[in-house]
PDB file of N, CA and C in Angstrom:
ATOM      1  N   MET A   1     -28.870 -34.373  34.096  1.00  0.00           N
ATOM      2  CA  MET A   1     -28.529 -33.909  35.430  1.00  0.00           C
ATOM      3  C   MET A   1     -28.201 -35.122  36.303  1.00  0.00           C
ATOM      4  N   VAL A   2     -27.083 -35.062  37.014  1.00  0.00           N
ATOM      5  CA  VAL A   2     -26.684 -36.111  37.943  1.00  0.00           C
ATOM      6  C   VAL A   2     -27.159 -35.726  39.328  1.00  0.00           C
ATOM      7  N   GLU A   3     -27.677 -36.707  40.068  1.00  0.00           N
ATOM      8  CA  GLU A   3     -28.140 -36.449  41.427  1.00  0.00           C
ATOM      9  C   GLU A   3     -27.389 -37.348  42.390  1.00  0.00           C
ATOM     10  N   TYR A   4     -26.959 -36.797  43.506  1.00  0.00           N
ATOM     11  CA  TYR A   4     -26.272 -37.523  44.567  1.00  0.00           C
ATOM     12  C   TYR A   4     -27.181 -37.593  45.782  1.00  0.00           C
ATOM     13  N   ASP A   5     -26.980 -38.607  46.630  1.00  0.00           N
ATOM     14  CA  ASP A   5     -27.631 -38.568  47.933  1.00  0.00           C
ATOM     15  C   ASP A   5     -26.646 -37.939  48.910  1.00  0.00           C
ATOM     16  N   ALA A   6     -27.091 -37.676  50.104  1.00  0.00           N
ATOM     17  CA  ALA A   6     -26.244 -36.977  51.077  1.00  0.00           C
ATOM     18  C   ALA A   6     -25.276 -37.912  51.791  1.00  0.00           C
ATOM     19  N   ALA A   7     -25.105 -39.132  51.300  1.00  0.00           N
ATOM     20  CA  ALA A   7     -24.169 -40.080  51.898  1.00  0.00           C
ATOM     21  C   ALA A   7     -22.764 -39.838  51.343  1.00  0.00           C
ATOM     22  N   ARG A   8     -22.327 -38.597  51.424  1.00  0.00           N
ATOM     23  CA  ARG A   8     -21.025 -38.165  50.918  1.00  0.00           C
ATOM     24  C   ARG A   8     -20.484 -37.114  51.879  1.00  0.00           C
ATOM     25  N   HIS A   9     -19.179 -36.871  51.812  1.00  0.00           N
ATOM     26  CA  HIS A   9     -18.624 -35.724  52.514  1.00  0.00           C
ATOM     27  C   HIS A   9     -19.042 -34.483  51.724  1.00  0.00           C
ATOM     28  N   ILE A  10     -19.415 -33.430  52.439  1.00  0.00           N
ATOM     29  CA  ILE A  10     -19.889 -32.204  51.790  1.00  0.00           C
ATOM     30  C   ILE A  10     -19.232 -31.003  52.467  1.00  0.00           C
ATOM     31  N   CYS A  11     -18.794 -30.043  51.660  1.00  0.00           N
ATOM     32  CA  CYS A  11     -18.147 -28.838  52.177  1.00  0.00           C
ATOM     33  C   CYS A  11     -18.722 -27.617  51.460  1.00  0.00           C
ATOM     34  N   ALA A  12     -19.018 -26.575  52.221  1.00  0.00           N
ATOM     35  CA  ALA A  12     -19.585 -25.348  51.656  1.00  0.00           C
ATOM     36  C   ALA A  12     -18.511 -24.369  51.174  1.00  0.00           C
ATOM     37  N   ASN A  13     -17.338 -24.390  51.788  1.00  0.00           N
ATOM     38  CA  ASN A  13     -16.305 -23.385  51.540  1.00  0.00           C
ATOM     39  C   ASN A  13     -15.290 -23.887  50.508  1.00  0.00           C
ATOM     40  N   LYS A  14     -15.293 -23.313  49.335  1.00  0.00           N
ATOM     41  CA  LYS A  14     -14.384 -23.727  48.263  1.00  0.00           C
ATOM     42  C   LYS A  14     -12.921 -23.549  48.647  1.00  0.00           C
ATOM     43  N   GLU A  15     -12.628 -22.595  49.510  1.00  0.00           N
ATOM     44  CA  GLU A  15     -11.249 -22.330  49.917  1.00  0.00           C
ATOM     45  C   GLU A  15     -10.634 -23.477  50.713  1.00  0.00           C
ATOM     46  N   LEU A  16     -11.445 -24.385  51.251  1.00  0.00           N
ATOM     47  CA  LEU A  16     -10.928 -25.507  52.028  1.00  0.00           C
ATOM     48  C   LEU A  16     -10.465 -26.679  51.162  1.00  0.00           C
ATOM     49  N   PHE A  17     -10.716 -26.618  49.856  1.00  0.00           N
ATOM     50  CA  PHE A  17     -10.322 -27.698  48.957  1.00  0.00           C
ATOM     51  C   PHE A  17      -8.851 -27.555  48.567  1.00  0.00           C
ATOM     52  N   SER A  18      -8.086 -28.642  48.675  1.00  0.00           N
ATOM     53  CA  SER A  18      -6.695 -28.612  48.215  1.00  0.00           C
ATOM     54  C   SER A  18      -6.613 -28.987  46.742  1.00  0.00           C
ATOM     55  N   THR A  19      -7.566 -29.792  46.259  1.00  0.00           N
ATOM     56  CA  THR A  19      -7.743 -30.039  44.826  1.00  0.00           C
ATOM     57  C   THR A  19      -9.221 -29.823  44.541  1.00  0.00           C
ATOM     58  N   TYR A  20      -9.513 -29.388  43.324  1.00  0.00           N
ATOM     59  CA  TYR A  20     -10.911 -29.049  43.017  1.00  0.00           C
ATOM     60  C   TYR A  20     -11.160 -29.203  41.524  1.00  0.00           C
ATOM     61  N   THR A  21     -12.262 -29.861  41.196  1.00  0.00           N
ATOM     62  CA  THR A  21     -12.707 -29.997  39.813  1.00  0.00           C
ATOM     63  C   THR A  21     -14.133 -29.467  39.729  1.00  0.00           C
ATOM     64  N   PRO A  22     -14.329 -28.348  39.024  1.00  0.00           N
ATOM     65  CA  PRO A  22     -15.700 -27.837  38.884  1.00  0.00           C
ATOM     66  C   PRO A  22     -16.500 -28.737  37.941  1.00  0.00           C
ATOM     67  N   PHE A  23     -17.789 -28.831  38.179  1.00  0.00           N
ATOM     68  CA  PHE A  23     -18.668 -29.597  37.302  1.00  0.00           C
ATOM     69  C   PHE A  23     -19.125 -28.702  36.161  1.00  0.00           C
ATOM     70  N   LYS A  24     -19.145 -29.251  34.957  1.00  0.00           N
ATOM     71  CA  LYS A  24     -19.619 -28.499  33.792  1.00  0.00           C
ATOM     72  C   LYS A  24     -21.130 -28.612  33.651  1.00  0.00           C
ATOM     73  N   ASP A  25     -21.666 -29.763  34.024  1.00  0.00           N
ATOM     74  CA  ASP A  25     -23.106 -29.992  33.934  1.00  0.00           C
ATOM     75  C   ASP A  25     -23.756 -29.772  35.292  1.00  0.00           C
ATOM     76  N   GLU A  26     -25.053 -29.528  35.286  1.00  0.00           N
ATOM     77  CA  GLU A  26     -25.786 -29.322  36.536  1.00  0.00           C
ATOM     78  C   GLU A  26     -25.846 -30.612  37.342  1.00  0.00           C
ATOM     79  N   LYS A  27     -25.495 -30.526  38.611  1.00  0.00           N
ATOM     80  CA  LYS A  27     -25.556 -31.662  39.519  1.00  0.00           C
ATOM     81  C   LYS A  27     -26.258 -31.208  40.796  1.00  0.00           C
ATOM     82  N   MET A  28     -26.999 -32.114  41.408  1.00  0.00           N
ATOM     83  CA  MET A  28     -27.761 -31.799  42.611  1.00  0.00           C
ATOM     84  C   MET A  28     -27.455 -32.856  43.671  1.00  0.00           C
ATOM     85  N   VAL A  29     -27.680 -32.486  44.933  1.00  0.00           N
ATOM     86  CA  VAL A  29     -27.587 -33.438  46.028  1.00  0.00           C
ATOM     87  C   VAL A  29     -28.910 -33.401  46.779  1.00  0.00           C
ATOM     88  N   TYR A  30     -29.373 -34.590  47.168  1.00  0.00           N
ATOM     89  CA  TYR A  30     -30.567 -34.688  48.007  1.00  0.00           C
ATOM     90  C   TYR A  30     -30.159 -34.508  49.458  1.00  0.00           C
ATOM     91  N   LEU A  31     -30.857 -33.650  50.172  1.00  0.00           N
ATOM     92  CA  LEU A  31     -30.591 -33.411  51.586  1.00  0.00           C
ATOM     93  C   LEU A  31     -31.560 -34.225  52.439  1.00  0.00           C
ATOM     94  N   GLY A  32     -31.308 -34.288  53.726  1.00  0.00           N
ATOM     95  CA  GLY A  32     -32.123 -35.090  54.631  1.00  0.00           C
ATOM     96  C   GLY A  32     -33.578 -34.689  54.699  1.00  0.00           C
ATOM     97  N   ASN A  33     -33.892 -33.448  54.383  1.00  0.00           N
ATOM     98  CA  ASN A  33     -35.281 -32.980  54.443  1.00  0.00           C
ATOM     99  C   ASN A  33     -35.984 -33.099  53.089  1.00  0.00           C
ATOM    100  N   SER A  34     -35.453 -33.927  52.209  1.00  0.00           N
ATOM    101  CA  SER A  34     -36.004 -34.188  50.867  1.00  0.00           C
ATOM    102  C   SER A  34     -35.850 -33.026  49.891  1.00  0.00           C
ATOM    103  N   ARG A  35     -35.145 -31.980  50.268  1.00  0.00           N
ATOM    104  CA  ARG A  35     -34.859 -30.889  49.336  1.00  0.00           C
ATOM    105  C   ARG A  35     -33.621 -31.250  48.520  1.00  0.00           C
ATOM    106  N   THR A  36     -33.387 -30.495  47.466  1.00  0.00           N
ATOM    107  CA  THR A  36     -32.161 -30.636  46.691  1.00  0.00           C
ATOM    108  C   THR A  36     -31.458 -29.284  46.651  1.00  0.00           C
ATOM    109  N   THR A  37     -30.162 -29.331  46.388  1.00  0.00           N
ATOM    110  CA  THR A  37     -29.388 -28.108  46.215  1.00  0.00           C
ATOM    111  C   THR A  37     -28.264 -28.395  45.227  1.00  0.00           C
ATOM    112  N   ASN A  38     -27.722 -27.349  44.624  1.00  0.00           N
ATOM    113  CA  ASN A  38     -26.688 -27.496  43.601  1.00  0.00           C
ATOM    114  C   ASN A  38     -25.352 -27.952  44.172  1.00  0.00           C
ATOM    115  N   VAL A  39     -24.669 -28.803  43.398  1.00  0.00           N
ATOM    116  CA  VAL A  39     -23.296 -29.218  43.670  1.00  0.00           C
ATOM    117  C   VAL A  39     -22.451 -28.591  42.568  1.00  0.00           C
ATOM    118  N   LEU A  40     -21.454 -27.785  42.953  1.00  0.00           N
ATOM    119  CA  LEU A  40     -20.675 -27.061  41.949  1.00  0.00           C
ATOM    120  C   LEU A  40     -19.399 -27.778  41.525  1.00  0.00           C
ATOM    121  N   GLY A  41     -18.904 -28.698  42.352  1.00  0.00           N
ATOM    122  CA  GLY A  41     -17.672 -29.401  42.020  1.00  0.00           C
ATOM    123  C   GLY A  41     -17.350 -30.428  43.078  1.00  0.00           C
ATOM    124  N   LYS A  42     -16.151 -31.027  42.970  1.00  0.00           N
ATOM    125  CA  LYS A  42     -15.702 -31.972  43.983  1.00  0.00           C
ATOM    126  C   LYS A  42     -14.188 -31.936  44.053  1.00  0.00           C
ATOM    127  N   GLY A  43     -13.653 -32.475  45.155  1.00  0.00           N
ATOM    128  CA  GLY A  43     -12.208 -32.496  45.301  1.00  0.00           C
ATOM    129  C   GLY A  43     -11.786 -33.048  46.640  1.00  0.00           C
ATOM    130  N   LYS A  44     -10.570 -32.703  47.037  1.00  0.00           N
ATOM    131  CA  LYS A  44      -9.985 -33.183  48.288  1.00  0.00           C
ATOM    132  C   LYS A  44      -9.965 -32.050  49.299  1.00  0.00           C
ATOM    133  N   VAL A  45     -10.379 -32.355  50.515  1.00  0.00           N
ATOM    134  CA  VAL A  45     -10.332 -31.397  51.613  1.00  0.00           C
ATOM    135  C   VAL A  45      -9.401 -31.965  52.667  1.00  0.00           C
ATOM    136  N   LEU A  46      -8.455 -31.167  53.110  1.00  0.00           N
ATOM    137  CA  LEU A  46      -7.557 -31.560  54.187  1.00  0.00           C
ATOM    138  C   LEU A  46      -8.070 -30.947  55.467  1.00  0.00           C
ATOM    139  N   LYS A  47      -8.385 -31.774  56.434  1.00  0.00           N
ATOM    140  CA  LYS A  47      -8.957 -31.319  57.710  1.00  0.00           C
ATOM    141  C   LYS A  47      -7.915 -31.516  58.786  1.00  0.00           C
ATOM    142  N   LEU A  48      -7.629 -30.472  59.536  1.00  0.00           N
ATOM    143  CA  LEU A  48      -6.690 -30.563  60.651  1.00  0.00           C
ATOM    144  C   LEU A  48      -7.420 -31.106  61.863  1.00  0.00           C
ATOM    145  N   THR A  49      -6.939 -32.219  62.384  1.00  0.00           N
ATOM    146  CA  THR A  49      -7.538 -32.827  63.570  1.00  0.00           C
ATOM    147  C   THR A  49      -6.419 -33.075  64.574  1.00  0.00           C
ATOM    148  N   SER A  50      -6.364 -32.298  65.615  1.00  0.00           N
ATOM    149  CA  SER A  50      -5.351 -32.459  66.660  1.00  0.00           C
ATOM    150  C   SER A  50      -3.942 -32.520  66.083  1.00  0.00           C
ATOM    151  N   SER A  51      -3.584 -31.559  65.283  1.00  0.00           N
ATOM    152  CA  SER A  51      -2.277 -31.411  64.646  1.00  0.00           C
ATOM    153  C   SER A  51      -1.959 -32.512  63.640  1.00  0.00           C
ATOM    154  N   LYS A  52      -2.961 -33.281  63.225  1.00  0.00           N
ATOM    155  CA  LYS A  52      -2.786 -34.278  62.174  1.00  0.00           C
ATOM    156  C   LYS A  52      -3.723 -33.932  61.028  1.00  0.00           C
ATOM    157  N   MET A  53      -3.287 -34.220  59.814  1.00  0.00           N
ATOM    158  CA  MET A  53      -4.107 -33.941  58.645  1.00  0.00           C
ATOM    159  C   MET A  53      -4.896 -35.182  58.262  1.00  0.00           C
ATOM    160  N   LEU A  54      -6.159 -34.993  57.994  1.00  0.00           N
ATOM    161  CA  LEU A  54      -7.037 -36.049  57.521  1.00  0.00           C
ATOM    162  C   LEU A  54      -7.495 -35.637  56.127  1.00  0.00           C
ATOM    163  N   ALA A  55      -7.154 -36.440  55.127  1.00  0.00           N
ATOM    164  CA  ALA A  55      -7.530 -36.136  53.746  1.00  0.00           C
ATOM    165  C   ALA A  55      -8.878 -36.771  53.450  1.00  0.00           C
ATOM    166  N   LEU A  56      -9.832 -35.964  53.064  1.00  0.00           N
ATOM    167  CA  LEU A  56     -11.149 -36.435  52.647  1.00  0.00           C
ATOM    168  C   LEU A  56     -11.232 -36.273  51.134  1.00  0.00           C
ATOM    169  N   ASN A  57     -11.427 -37.380  50.423  1.00  0.00           N
ATOM    170  CA  ASN A  57     -11.467 -37.370  48.964  1.00  0.00           C
ATOM    171  C   ASN A  57     -12.904 -37.385  48.466  1.00  0.00           C
ATOM    172  N   GLU A  58     -13.082 -36.949  47.223  1.00  0.00           N
ATOM    173  CA  GLU A  58     -14.396 -36.949  46.581  1.00  0.00           C
ATOM    174  C   GLU A  58     -15.426 -36.138  47.385  1.00  0.00           C
ATOM    175  N   VAL A  59     -14.981 -35.047  48.003  1.00  0.00           N
ATOM    176  CA  VAL A  59     -15.864 -34.168  48.771  1.00  0.00           C
ATOM    177  C   VAL A  59     -16.645 -33.300  47.794  1.00  0.00           C
ATOM    178  N   LEU A  60     -17.947 -33.230  47.989  1.00  0.00           N
ATOM    179  CA  LEU A  60     -18.791 -32.402  47.132  1.00  0.00           C
ATOM    180  C   LEU A  60     -18.786 -30.951  47.617  1.00  0.00           C
ATOM    181  N   HIS A  61     -18.703 -30.021  46.672  1.00  0.00           N
ATOM    182  CA  HIS A  61     -18.772 -28.593  47.004  1.00  0.00           C
ATOM    183  C   HIS A  61     -20.226 -28.134  46.861  1.00  0.00           C
ATOM    184  N   VAL A  62     -20.854 -27.861  48.009  1.00  0.00           N
ATOM    185  CA  VAL A  62     -22.261 -27.452  48.063  1.00  0.00           C
ATOM    186  C   VAL A  62     -22.321 -26.136  48.837  1.00  0.00           C
ATOM    187  N   PRO A  63     -22.237 -25.002  48.135  1.00  0.00           N
ATOM    188  CA  PRO A  63     -22.150 -23.719  48.838  1.00  0.00           C
ATOM    189  C   PRO A  63     -23.380 -23.354  49.663  1.00  0.00           C
ATOM    190  N   ASN A  64     -24.536 -23.927  49.369  1.00  0.00           N
ATOM    191  CA  ASN A  64     -25.761 -23.559  50.080  1.00  0.00           C
ATOM    192  C   ASN A  64     -26.013 -24.353  51.351  1.00  0.00           C
ATOM    193  N   ILE A  65     -25.090 -25.205  51.743  1.00  0.00           N
ATOM    194  CA  ILE A  65     -25.302 -25.999  52.955  1.00  0.00           C
ATOM    195  C   ILE A  65     -24.801 -25.202  54.163  1.00  0.00           C
ATOM    196  N   LYS A  66     -25.475 -25.336  55.296  1.00  0.00           N
ATOM    197  CA  LYS A  66     -25.131 -24.543  56.483  1.00  0.00           C
ATOM    198  C   LYS A  66     -23.888 -25.054  57.197  1.00  0.00           C
ATOM    199  N   GLU A  67     -23.706 -26.371  57.241  1.00  0.00           N
ATOM    200  CA  GLU A  67     -22.575 -26.974  57.961  1.00  0.00           C
ATOM    201  C   GLU A  67     -21.854 -27.950  57.045  1.00  0.00           C
ATOM    202  N   ASN A  68     -20.542 -28.031  57.171  1.00  0.00           N
ATOM    203  CA  ASN A  68     -19.800 -29.050  56.453  1.00  0.00           C
ATOM    204  C   ASN A  68     -20.134 -30.407  57.055  1.00  0.00           C
ATOM    205  N   LEU A  69     -20.182 -31.434  56.214  1.00  0.00           N
ATOM    206  CA  LEU A  69     -20.568 -32.766  56.673  1.00  0.00           C
ATOM    207  C   LEU A  69     -19.456 -33.774  56.395  1.00  0.00           C
ATOM    208  N   VAL A  70     -19.116 -34.541  57.411  1.00  0.00           N
ATOM    209  CA  VAL A  70     -18.216 -35.677  57.254  1.00  0.00           C
ATOM    210  C   VAL A  70     -19.076 -36.912  57.458  1.00  0.00           C
ATOM    211  N   TYR A  71     -19.155 -37.738  56.453  1.00  0.00           N
ATOM    212  CA  TYR A  71     -19.996 -38.930  56.516  1.00  0.00           C
ATOM    213  C   TYR A  71     -19.198 -40.047  57.187  1.00  0.00           C
ATOM    214  N   VAL A  72     -19.533 -40.325  58.434  1.00  0.00           N
ATOM    215  CA  VAL A  72     -18.775 -41.245  59.276  1.00  0.00           C
ATOM    216  C   VAL A  72     -18.696 -42.641  58.671  1.00  0.00           C
ATOM    217  N   ALA A  73     -19.748 -43.103  58.026  1.00  0.00           N
ATOM    218  CA  ALA A  73     -19.740 -44.447  57.430  1.00  0.00           C
ATOM    219  C   ALA A  73     -18.642 -44.581  56.380  1.00  0.00           C
ATOM    220  N   LEU A  74     -18.342 -43.513  55.652  1.00  0.00           N
ATOM    221  CA  LEU A  74     -17.265 -43.566  54.668  1.00  0.00           C
ATOM    222  C   LEU A  74     -15.912 -43.738  55.342  1.00  0.00           C
ATOM    223  N   LEU A  75     -15.720 -43.105  56.489  1.00  0.00           N
ATOM    224  CA  LEU A  75     -14.457 -43.279  57.216  1.00  0.00           C
ATOM    225  C   LEU A  75     -14.311 -44.720  57.688  1.00  0.00           C
ATOM    226  N   GLY A  76     -15.422 -45.338  58.065  1.00  0.00           N
ATOM    227  CA  GLY A  76     -15.401 -46.736  58.485  1.00  0.00           C
ATOM    228  C   GLY A  76     -14.946 -47.665  57.382  1.00  0.00           C
ATOM    229  N   ASN A  77     -15.182 -47.290  56.124  1.00  0.00           N
ATOM    230  CA  ASN A  77     -14.710 -48.094  55.002  1.00  0.00           C
ATOM    231  C   ASN A  77     -13.188 -48.192  54.955  1.00  0.00           C
ATOM    232  N   PHE A  78     -12.509 -47.256  55.622  1.00  0.00           N
ATOM    233  CA  PHE A  78     -11.045 -47.249  55.665  1.00  0.00           C
ATOM    234  C   PHE A  78     -10.537 -47.675  57.037  1.00  0.00           C
ATOM    235  N   ASN A  79     -11.389 -48.397  57.771  1.00  0.00           N
ATOM    236  CA  ASN A  79     -11.051 -48.929  59.099  1.00  0.00           C
ATOM    237  C   ASN A  79     -10.723 -47.856  60.119  1.00  0.00           C
ATOM    238  N   ILE A  80     -11.287 -46.670  59.943  1.00  0.00           N
ATOM    239  CA  ILE A  80     -11.153 -45.622  60.956  1.00  0.00           C
ATOM    240  C   ILE A  80     -12.329 -45.774  61.903  1.00  0.00           C
ATOM    241  N   LYS A  81     -12.029 -45.955  63.178  1.00  0.00           N
ATOM    242  CA  LYS A  81     -13.077 -46.112  64.190  1.00  0.00           C
ATOM    243  C   LYS A  81     -13.293 -44.785  64.899  1.00  0.00           C
ATOM    244  N   MET A  82     -14.538 -44.527  65.240  1.00  0.00           N
ATOM    245  CA  MET A  82     -14.922 -43.291  65.922  1.00  0.00           C
ATOM    246  C   MET A  82     -15.439 -43.610  67.311  1.00  0.00           C
ATOM    247  N   SER A  83     -15.059 -42.784  68.265  1.00  0.00           N
ATOM    248  CA  SER A  83     -15.692 -42.839  69.579  1.00  0.00           C
ATOM    249  C   SER A  83     -16.070 -41.410  69.954  1.00  0.00           C
ATOM    250  N   PHE A  84     -17.245 -41.273  70.503  1.00  0.00           N
ATOM    251  CA  PHE A  84     -17.769 -39.962  70.864  1.00  0.00           C
ATOM    252  C   PHE A  84     -17.547 -39.767  72.354  1.00  0.00           C
ATOM    253  N   GLU A  85     -16.774 -38.745  72.692  1.00  0.00           N
ATOM    254  CA  GLU A  85     -16.425 -38.465  74.084  1.00  0.00           C
ATOM    255  C   GLU A  85     -16.759 -37.011  74.392  1.00  0.00           C
ATOM    256  N   SER A  86     -17.687 -36.788  75.267  1.00  0.00           N
ATOM    257  CA  SER A  86     -18.188 -35.468  75.686  1.00  0.00           C
ATOM    258  C   SER A  86     -18.276 -34.483  74.521  1.00  0.00           C
ATOM    259  N   ASP A  87     -17.278 -33.654  74.290  1.00  0.00           N
ATOM    260  CA  ASP A  87     -17.377 -32.618  73.273  1.00  0.00           C
ATOM    261  C   ASP A  87     -16.487 -32.872  72.062  1.00  0.00           C
ATOM    262  N   LYS A  88     -16.100 -34.141  71.829  1.00  0.00           N
ATOM    263  CA  LYS A  88     -15.219 -34.416  70.692  1.00  0.00           C
ATOM    264  C   LYS A  88     -15.449 -35.819  70.131  1.00  0.00           C
ATOM    265  N   ILE A  89     -14.981 -36.004  68.921  1.00  0.00           N
ATOM    266  CA  ILE A  89     -14.980 -37.304  68.263  1.00  0.00           C
ATOM    267  C   ILE A  89     -13.517 -37.733  68.153  1.00  0.00           C
ATOM    268  N   VAL A  90     -13.188 -38.893  68.686  1.00  0.00           N
ATOM    269  CA  VAL A  90     -11.821 -39.414  68.644  1.00  0.00           C
ATOM    270  C   VAL A  90     -11.752 -40.487  67.569  1.00  0.00           C
ATOM    271  N   MET A  91     -10.754 -40.370  66.674  1.00  0.00           N
ATOM    272  CA  MET A  91     -10.590 -41.317  65.570  1.00  0.00           C
ATOM    273  C   MET A  91      -9.331 -42.145  65.772  1.00  0.00           C
ATOM    274  N   THR A  92      -9.468 -43.457  65.564  1.00  0.00           N
ATOM    275  CA  THR A  92      -8.331 -44.366  65.636  1.00  0.00           C
ATOM    276  C   THR A  92      -8.354 -45.298  64.434  1.00  0.00           C
ATOM    277  N   LYS A  93      -7.183 -45.798  64.079  1.00  0.00           N
ATOM    278  CA  LYS A  93      -7.060 -46.808  63.031  1.00  0.00           C
ATOM    279  C   LYS A  93      -6.055 -47.830  63.530  1.00  0.00           C
ATOM    280  N   ASN A  94      -6.460 -49.105  63.567  1.00  0.00           N
ATOM    281  CA  ASN A  94      -5.623 -50.173  64.110  1.00  0.00           C
ATOM    282  C   ASN A  94      -5.140 -49.840  65.521  1.00  0.00           C
ATOM    283  N   ASN A  95      -6.037 -49.291  66.324  1.00  0.00           N
ATOM    284  CA  ASN A  95      -5.770 -48.894  67.704  1.00  0.00           C
ATOM    285  C   ASN A  95      -4.709 -47.805  67.846  1.00  0.00           C
ATOM    286  N   ILE A  96      -4.447 -47.072  66.780  1.00  0.00           N
ATOM    287  CA  ILE A  96      -3.500 -45.956  66.811  1.00  0.00           C
ATOM    288  C   ILE A  96      -4.291 -44.658  66.627  1.00  0.00           C
ATOM    289  N   PHE A  97      -4.021 -43.675  67.459  1.00  0.00           N
ATOM    290  CA  PHE A  97      -4.706 -42.381  67.403  1.00  0.00           C
ATOM    291  C   PHE A  97      -4.485 -41.728  66.044  1.00  0.00           C
ATOM    292  N   VAL A  98      -5.570 -41.323  65.391  1.00  0.00           N
ATOM    293  CA  VAL A  98      -5.513 -40.641  64.110  1.00  0.00           C
ATOM    294  C   VAL A  98      -5.770 -39.154  64.286  1.00  0.00           C
ATOM    295  N   GLY A  99      -6.724 -38.821  65.138  1.00  0.00           N
ATOM    296  CA  GLY A  99      -7.050 -37.419  65.369  1.00  0.00           C
ATOM    297  C   GLY A  99      -8.360 -37.299  66.106  1.00  0.00           C
ATOM    298  N   GLU A 100      -8.735 -36.049  66.358  1.00  0.00           N
ATOM    299  CA  GLU A 100     -10.016 -35.795  67.012  1.00  0.00           C
ATOM    300  C   GLU A 100     -10.584 -34.503  66.457  1.00  0.00           C
ATOM    301  N   MET A 101     -11.898 -34.437  66.492  1.00  0.00           N
ATOM    302  CA  MET A 101     -12.616 -33.245  66.072  1.00  0.00           C
ATOM    303  C   MET A 101     -13.468 -32.759  67.217  1.00  0.00           C
ATOM    304  N   ILE A 102     -13.379 -31.482  67.498  1.00  0.00           N
ATOM    305  CA  ILE A 102     -14.192 -30.876  68.541  1.00  0.00           C
ATOM    306  C   ILE A 102     -15.594 -30.645  67.975  1.00  0.00           C
ATOM    307  N   LEU A 103     -16.600 -31.004  68.753  1.00  0.00           N
ATOM    308  CA  LEU A 103     -17.991 -30.810  68.319  1.00  0.00           C
ATOM    309  C   LEU A 103     -18.448 -29.403  68.602  1.00  0.00           C
TER     310      LEU A 103
END
């Protein structure tokens, strides 16, 4: 059995994946409250942010999670900067607007 920590992008809805590879073996993810839950597959999720598409790769499919998770530290690895403004997150790369997500 392979186990992941929650330092990954996670999506509950399989329909949001543009590419998807189901796992043949049992895989689990550790959640913040020290529980584990099943991971059924992984793939790419395209997220619409202010009329721009943001491709999230290697997203884990975890149907039992309540909210989809975008791991901000992973976006930072691609030089995407985040600023939190009232009810939204604004993303920029090289000082160019990439998109925003409403909270």
